[in-house]
Amino acid sequence: MSSAAVLFKLLWATFLLFCLCHGQSSREMSSEDFDAKKLPSASEKELVEAMEELLGKFQDRYPVYEKRAQIPVCDIGERCAVKQGPRIGKLCDCSRGSSCNSFLLKCI
């Protein structure tokens, strides 16, 4: 097949796909989609209040979120990892636009 024929078929397939998808649009929610009947009942409100009360009691027992120590950022060419047997341990995160090479263990 010549390149012109392949190009023509590709353009034709793109055109067909565009024509098929042109009329479709994402469905947006409107106020008509919501019914007044779907409001929570009194028993559901009581259940929600009871759950909030229980969550408030248990919140003191467990820490919300403990941040881990942040890993420092290293520059390009610096050592970013160390090989520890079959595993590789992270020393630092490479700066934006570079990544840690798993063979050299340096930021490139």
N, C-alpha and C. Protein backbone atom coordinates (compact mmCIF):
# COMPACT_ATOMS: atom_id res chain seq x y z
N MET A 1 0.84 -1.18 0.00
CA MET A 1 0.00 0.00 0.00
C MET A 1 0.88 1.24 0.00
N SER A 2 0.48 2.20 -0.74
CA SER A 2 1.27 3.43 -0.78
C SER A 2 0.94 4.30 0.43
N SER A 3 1.82 5.22 0.72
CA SER A 3 1.61 6.09 1.88
C SER A 3 0.40 7.00 1.67
N ALA A 4 0.09 7.34 0.41
CA ALA A 4 -1.07 8.18 0.15
C ALA A 4 -2.36 7.44 0.50
N ALA A 5 -2.41 6.15 0.21
CA ALA A 5 -3.61 5.37 0.52
C ALA A 5 -3.78 5.23 2.03
N VAL A 6 -2.67 5.02 2.74
CA VAL A 6 -2.73 4.91 4.20
C VAL A 6 -3.19 6.23 4.79
N LEU A 7 -2.66 7.35 4.29
CA LEU A 7 -3.04 8.66 4.77
C LEU A 7 -4.52 8.94 4.51
N PHE A 8 -5.00 8.55 3.31
CA PHE A 8 -6.40 8.74 2.97
C PHE A 8 -7.31 7.95 3.93
N LYS A 9 -6.95 6.68 4.21
CA LYS A 9 -7.76 5.87 5.12
C LYS A 9 -7.74 6.42 6.54
N LEU A 10 -6.61 6.94 6.96
CA LEU A 10 -6.52 7.53 8.29
C LEU A 10 -7.39 8.77 8.39
N LEU A 11 -7.36 9.63 7.37
CA LEU A 11 -8.21 10.82 7.36
C LEU A 11 -9.69 10.44 7.32
N TRP A 12 -10.04 9.41 6.55
CA TRP A 12 -11.42 8.96 6.46
C TRP A 12 -11.91 8.44 7.81
N ALA A 13 -11.08 7.65 8.50
CA ALA A 13 -11.46 7.12 9.81
C ALA A 13 -11.62 8.26 10.82
N THR A 14 -10.75 9.26 10.75
CA THR A 14 -10.85 10.41 11.64
C THR A 14 -12.13 11.18 11.38
N PHE A 15 -12.48 11.35 10.12
CA PHE A 15 -13.69 12.06 9.75
C PHE A 15 -14.93 11.31 10.27
N LEU A 16 -14.96 9.99 10.10
CA LEU A 16 -16.10 9.20 10.57
C LEU A 16 -16.23 9.27 12.08
N LEU A 17 -15.11 9.19 12.77
CA LEU A 17 -15.13 9.27 14.22
C LEU A 17 -15.63 10.63 14.68
N PHE A 18 -15.20 11.68 14.00
CA PHE A 18 -15.65 13.03 14.34
C PHE A 18 -17.15 13.17 14.12
N CYS A 19 -17.67 12.63 13.02
CA CYS A 19 -19.10 12.72 12.73
C CYS A 19 -19.93 11.95 13.75
N LEU A 20 -19.44 10.80 14.19
CA LEU A 20 -20.19 10.00 15.15
C LEU A 20 -20.21 10.65 16.53
N CYS A 21 -19.12 11.28 16.91
CA CYS A 21 -19.01 11.84 18.26
C CYS A 21 -19.43 13.30 18.34
N HIS A 22 -19.70 13.93 17.24
CA HIS A 22 -20.00 15.36 17.23
C HIS A 22 -21.28 15.69 17.99
N GLY A 23 -22.30 14.87 17.89
CA GLY A 23 -23.58 15.16 18.53
C GLY A 23 -23.63 14.83 20.01
N GLN A 24 -22.65 14.11 20.49
CA GLN A 24 -22.67 13.70 21.90
C GLN A 24 -22.06 14.79 22.77
N SER A 25 -22.67 14.99 23.92
CA SER A 25 -22.12 15.94 24.88
C SER A 25 -22.30 15.36 26.28
N SER A 26 -21.55 15.87 27.22
CA SER A 26 -21.65 15.36 28.58
C SER A 26 -22.97 15.80 29.20
N ARG A 27 -23.53 14.93 30.01
CA ARG A 27 -24.80 15.25 30.66
C ARG A 27 -24.52 16.07 31.89
N GLU A 28 -25.16 17.21 31.97
CA GLU A 28 -24.99 18.08 33.12
C GLU A 28 -26.21 17.95 34.01
N MET A 29 -25.99 18.06 35.29
CA MET A 29 -27.08 17.97 36.24
C MET A 29 -27.81 19.31 36.30
N SER A 30 -29.11 19.26 36.31
CA SER A 30 -29.90 20.48 36.44
C SER A 30 -30.82 20.34 37.64
N SER A 31 -31.49 21.42 37.96
CA SER A 31 -32.40 21.40 39.11
C SER A 31 -33.57 20.46 38.86
N GLU A 32 -33.88 20.17 37.60
CA GLU A 32 -34.98 19.27 37.28
C GLU A 32 -34.64 17.82 37.63
N ASP A 33 -33.35 17.52 37.70
CA ASP A 33 -32.93 16.15 37.99
C ASP A 33 -33.13 15.78 39.45
N PHE A 34 -33.24 16.76 40.32
CA PHE A 34 -33.39 16.50 41.74
C PHE A 34 -34.87 16.54 42.11
N ASP A 35 -35.29 15.56 42.87
CA ASP A 35 -36.68 15.51 43.32
C ASP A 35 -36.74 15.91 44.78
N ALA A 36 -37.82 16.55 45.17
CA ALA A 36 -38.01 16.93 46.56
C ALA A 36 -38.29 15.70 47.41
N LYS A 37 -38.69 14.60 46.80
CA LYS A 37 -39.02 13.38 47.52
C LYS A 37 -37.77 12.70 48.08
N LYS A 38 -36.60 13.00 47.56
CA LYS A 38 -35.37 12.32 47.96
C LYS A 38 -34.69 12.97 49.16
N LEU A 39 -35.35 13.88 49.83
CA LEU A 39 -34.77 14.50 51.02
C LEU A 39 -34.72 13.48 52.15
N PRO A 40 -33.73 13.56 53.03
CA PRO A 40 -33.61 12.58 54.10
C PRO A 40 -34.76 12.69 55.10
N SER A 41 -35.17 11.54 55.60
CA SER A 41 -36.26 11.52 56.57
C SER A 41 -35.72 11.82 57.96
N ALA A 42 -36.63 11.92 58.92
CA ALA A 42 -36.24 12.24 60.30
C ALA A 42 -35.38 11.13 60.90
N SER A 43 -35.70 9.88 60.60
CA SER A 43 -34.91 8.77 61.15
C SER A 43 -33.50 8.77 60.57
N GLU A 44 -33.36 9.12 59.29
CA GLU A 44 -32.02 9.20 58.69
C GLU A 44 -31.21 10.34 59.31
N LYS A 45 -31.88 11.44 59.62
CA LYS A 45 -31.19 12.56 60.28
C LYS A 45 -30.71 12.15 61.66
N GLU A 46 -31.54 11.39 62.39
CA GLU A 46 -31.14 10.92 63.72
C GLU A 46 -29.93 9.99 63.62
N LEU A 47 -29.91 9.12 62.62
CA LEU A 47 -28.78 8.22 62.43
C LEU A 47 -27.50 9.00 62.13
N VAL A 48 -27.61 10.02 61.31
CA VAL A 48 -26.44 10.84 60.97
C VAL A 48 -25.92 11.54 62.22
N GLU A 49 -26.79 12.08 63.03
CA GLU A 49 -26.37 12.75 64.26
C GLU A 49 -25.70 11.78 65.22
N ALA A 50 -26.22 10.55 65.32
CA ALA A 50 -25.62 9.54 66.20
C ALA A 50 -24.22 9.16 65.69
N MET A 51 -24.07 9.02 64.40
CA MET A 51 -22.76 8.69 63.82
C MET A 51 -21.75 9.81 64.06
N GLU A 52 -22.19 11.05 63.92
CA GLU A 52 -21.29 12.18 64.18
C GLU A 52 -20.85 12.21 65.64
N GLU A 53 -21.77 11.87 66.54
CA GLU A 53 -21.43 11.83 67.96
C GLU A 53 -20.40 10.74 68.24
N LEU A 54 -20.59 9.55 67.65
CA LEU A 54 -19.63 8.46 67.83
C LEU A 54 -18.26 8.81 67.25
N LEU A 55 -18.25 9.42 66.09
CA LEU A 55 -16.98 9.81 65.48
C LEU A 55 -16.26 10.84 66.33
N GLY A 56 -17.00 11.73 66.94
CA GLY A 56 -16.40 12.73 67.81
C GLY A 56 -15.75 12.09 69.03
N LYS A 57 -16.37 11.04 69.58
CA LYS A 57 -15.80 10.36 70.74
C LYS A 57 -14.51 9.62 70.39
N PHE A 58 -14.49 8.96 69.24
CA PHE A 58 -13.33 8.16 68.86
C PHE A 58 -12.21 8.98 68.24
N GLN A 59 -12.48 10.21 67.88
CA GLN A 59 -11.47 11.03 67.23
C GLN A 59 -10.31 11.33 68.17
N ASP A 60 -10.57 11.43 69.45
CA ASP A 60 -9.52 11.71 70.43
C ASP A 60 -8.58 10.53 70.62
N ARG A 61 -9.05 9.33 70.40
CA ARG A 61 -8.25 8.13 70.63
C ARG A 61 -7.21 7.88 69.55
N TYR A 62 -7.51 8.24 68.34
CA TYR A 62 -6.63 7.95 67.22
C TYR A 62 -6.07 9.24 66.64
N PRO A 63 -4.78 9.25 66.28
CA PRO A 63 -4.23 10.46 65.66
C PRO A 63 -4.84 10.67 64.28
N VAL A 64 -5.06 11.93 63.95
CA VAL A 64 -5.69 12.25 62.69
C VAL A 64 -4.79 11.85 61.52
N TYR A 65 -3.58 12.37 61.51
CA TYR A 65 -2.65 12.06 60.44
C TYR A 65 -1.26 12.45 60.90
N GLU A 66 -0.36 11.54 60.83
CA GLU A 66 1.01 11.83 61.21
C GLU A 66 1.84 11.97 59.94
N LYS A 67 2.47 13.12 59.78
CA LYS A 67 3.31 13.33 58.61
C LYS A 67 4.61 12.59 58.78
N ARG A 68 5.05 11.96 57.72
CA ARG A 68 6.36 11.34 57.72
C ARG A 68 7.40 12.42 57.51
N ALA A 69 8.61 12.11 57.90
CA ALA A 69 9.69 13.07 57.68
C ALA A 69 9.86 13.24 56.18
N GLN A 70 9.89 14.48 55.74
CA GLN A 70 10.01 14.73 54.31
C GLN A 70 11.42 14.42 53.83
N ILE A 71 11.50 13.82 52.66
CA ILE A 71 12.78 13.47 52.07
C ILE A 71 13.35 14.72 51.40
N PRO A 72 14.64 15.03 51.63
CA PRO A 72 15.22 16.23 51.01
C PRO A 72 15.32 16.08 49.49
N VAL A 73 15.43 17.22 48.83
CA VAL A 73 15.55 17.24 47.37
C VAL A 73 17.02 17.29 47.00
N CYS A 74 17.43 16.45 46.03
CA CYS A 74 18.82 16.46 45.59
C CYS A 74 18.90 16.96 44.14
N ASP A 75 20.05 17.51 43.79
CA ASP A 75 20.26 18.08 42.46
C ASP A 75 20.67 17.00 41.46
N ILE A 76 20.70 17.38 40.19
CA ILE A 76 21.12 16.47 39.13
C ILE A 76 22.58 16.08 39.34
N GLY A 77 22.86 14.78 39.26
CA GLY A 77 24.21 14.27 39.43
C GLY A 77 24.49 13.80 40.85
N GLU A 78 23.66 14.17 41.81
CA GLU A 78 23.86 13.74 43.19
C GLU A 78 23.30 12.32 43.38
N ARG A 79 23.83 11.66 44.37
CA ARG A 79 23.39 10.32 44.69
C ARG A 79 22.01 10.39 45.33
N CYS A 80 21.04 9.63 44.80
CA CYS A 80 19.67 9.72 45.27
C CYS A 80 19.19 8.44 45.94
N ALA A 81 19.95 7.36 45.83
CA ALA A 81 19.53 6.09 46.41
C ALA A 81 20.75 5.27 46.75
N VAL A 82 20.54 4.24 47.56
CA VAL A 82 21.61 3.33 47.95
C VAL A 82 21.07 1.91 47.85
N LYS A 83 21.89 1.01 47.33
CA LYS A 83 21.48 -0.38 47.18
C LYS A 83 21.72 -1.12 48.48
N GLN A 84 20.67 -1.75 48.99
CA GLN A 84 20.75 -2.50 50.24
C GLN A 84 20.32 -3.94 49.94
N GLY A 85 21.24 -4.74 49.47
CA GLY A 85 20.92 -6.11 49.07
C GLY A 85 20.02 -6.07 47.84
N PRO A 86 18.89 -6.78 47.87
CA PRO A 86 18.00 -6.77 46.71
C PRO A 86 17.12 -5.52 46.63
N ARG A 87 17.17 -4.67 47.65
CA ARG A 87 16.32 -3.48 47.68
C ARG A 87 17.14 -2.22 47.45
N ILE A 88 16.43 -1.17 47.05
CA ILE A 88 17.07 0.13 46.86
C ILE A 88 16.41 1.10 47.83
N GLY A 89 17.22 1.71 48.70
CA GLY A 89 16.71 2.68 49.66
C GLY A 89 16.82 4.09 49.12
N LYS A 90 15.86 4.93 49.43
CA LYS A 90 15.81 6.29 48.91
C LYS A 90 16.55 7.24 49.85
N LEU A 91 17.50 8.00 49.31
CA LEU A 91 18.22 9.00 50.09
C LEU A 91 17.56 10.36 49.96
N CYS A 92 17.14 10.70 48.74
CA CYS A 92 16.51 12.00 48.49
C CYS A 92 15.68 11.92 47.22
N ASP A 93 14.80 12.89 47.05
CA ASP A 93 14.01 13.00 45.82
C ASP A 93 14.75 13.87 44.83
N CYS A 94 14.74 13.46 43.59
CA CYS A 94 15.39 14.26 42.55
C CYS A 94 14.56 15.50 42.27
N SER A 95 15.24 16.56 41.86
CA SER A 95 14.56 17.82 41.58
C SER A 95 13.62 17.64 40.39
N ARG A 96 12.77 18.60 40.20
CA ARG A 96 11.77 18.54 39.13
C ARG A 96 12.45 18.43 37.77
N GLY A 97 11.95 17.53 36.94
CA GLY A 97 12.49 17.34 35.61
C GLY A 97 13.57 16.28 35.55
N SER A 98 13.95 15.71 36.68
CA SER A 98 14.94 14.63 36.67
C SER A 98 14.38 13.44 37.44
N SER A 99 15.02 12.30 37.27
CA SER A 99 14.57 11.10 37.96
C SER A 99 15.78 10.32 38.45
N CYS A 100 15.55 9.45 39.40
CA CYS A 100 16.61 8.66 39.98
C CYS A 100 16.86 7.43 39.11
N ASN A 101 18.04 7.30 38.57
CA ASN A 101 18.42 6.16 37.75
C ASN A 101 18.68 4.99 38.67
N SER A 102 18.00 3.87 38.46
CA SER A 102 18.14 2.73 39.36
C SER A 102 19.44 1.96 39.14
N PHE A 103 20.13 2.20 38.03
CA PHE A 103 21.42 1.54 37.81
C PHE A 103 22.57 2.36 38.39
N LEU A 104 22.57 3.65 38.10
CA LEU A 104 23.64 4.53 38.60
C LEU A 104 23.37 5.03 40.00
N LEU A 105 22.11 4.99 40.44
CA LEU A 105 21.68 5.50 41.73
C LEU A 105 21.96 7.00 41.86
N LYS A 106 21.83 7.70 40.75
CA LYS A 106 22.05 9.15 40.72
C LYS A 106 20.91 9.80 39.97
N CYS A 107 20.70 11.08 40.27
CA CYS A 107 19.67 11.86 39.56
C CYS A 107 20.18 12.20 38.16
N ILE A 108 19.38 11.89 37.18
CA ILE A 108 19.74 12.28 35.80
C ILE A 108 18.57 12.95 35.15
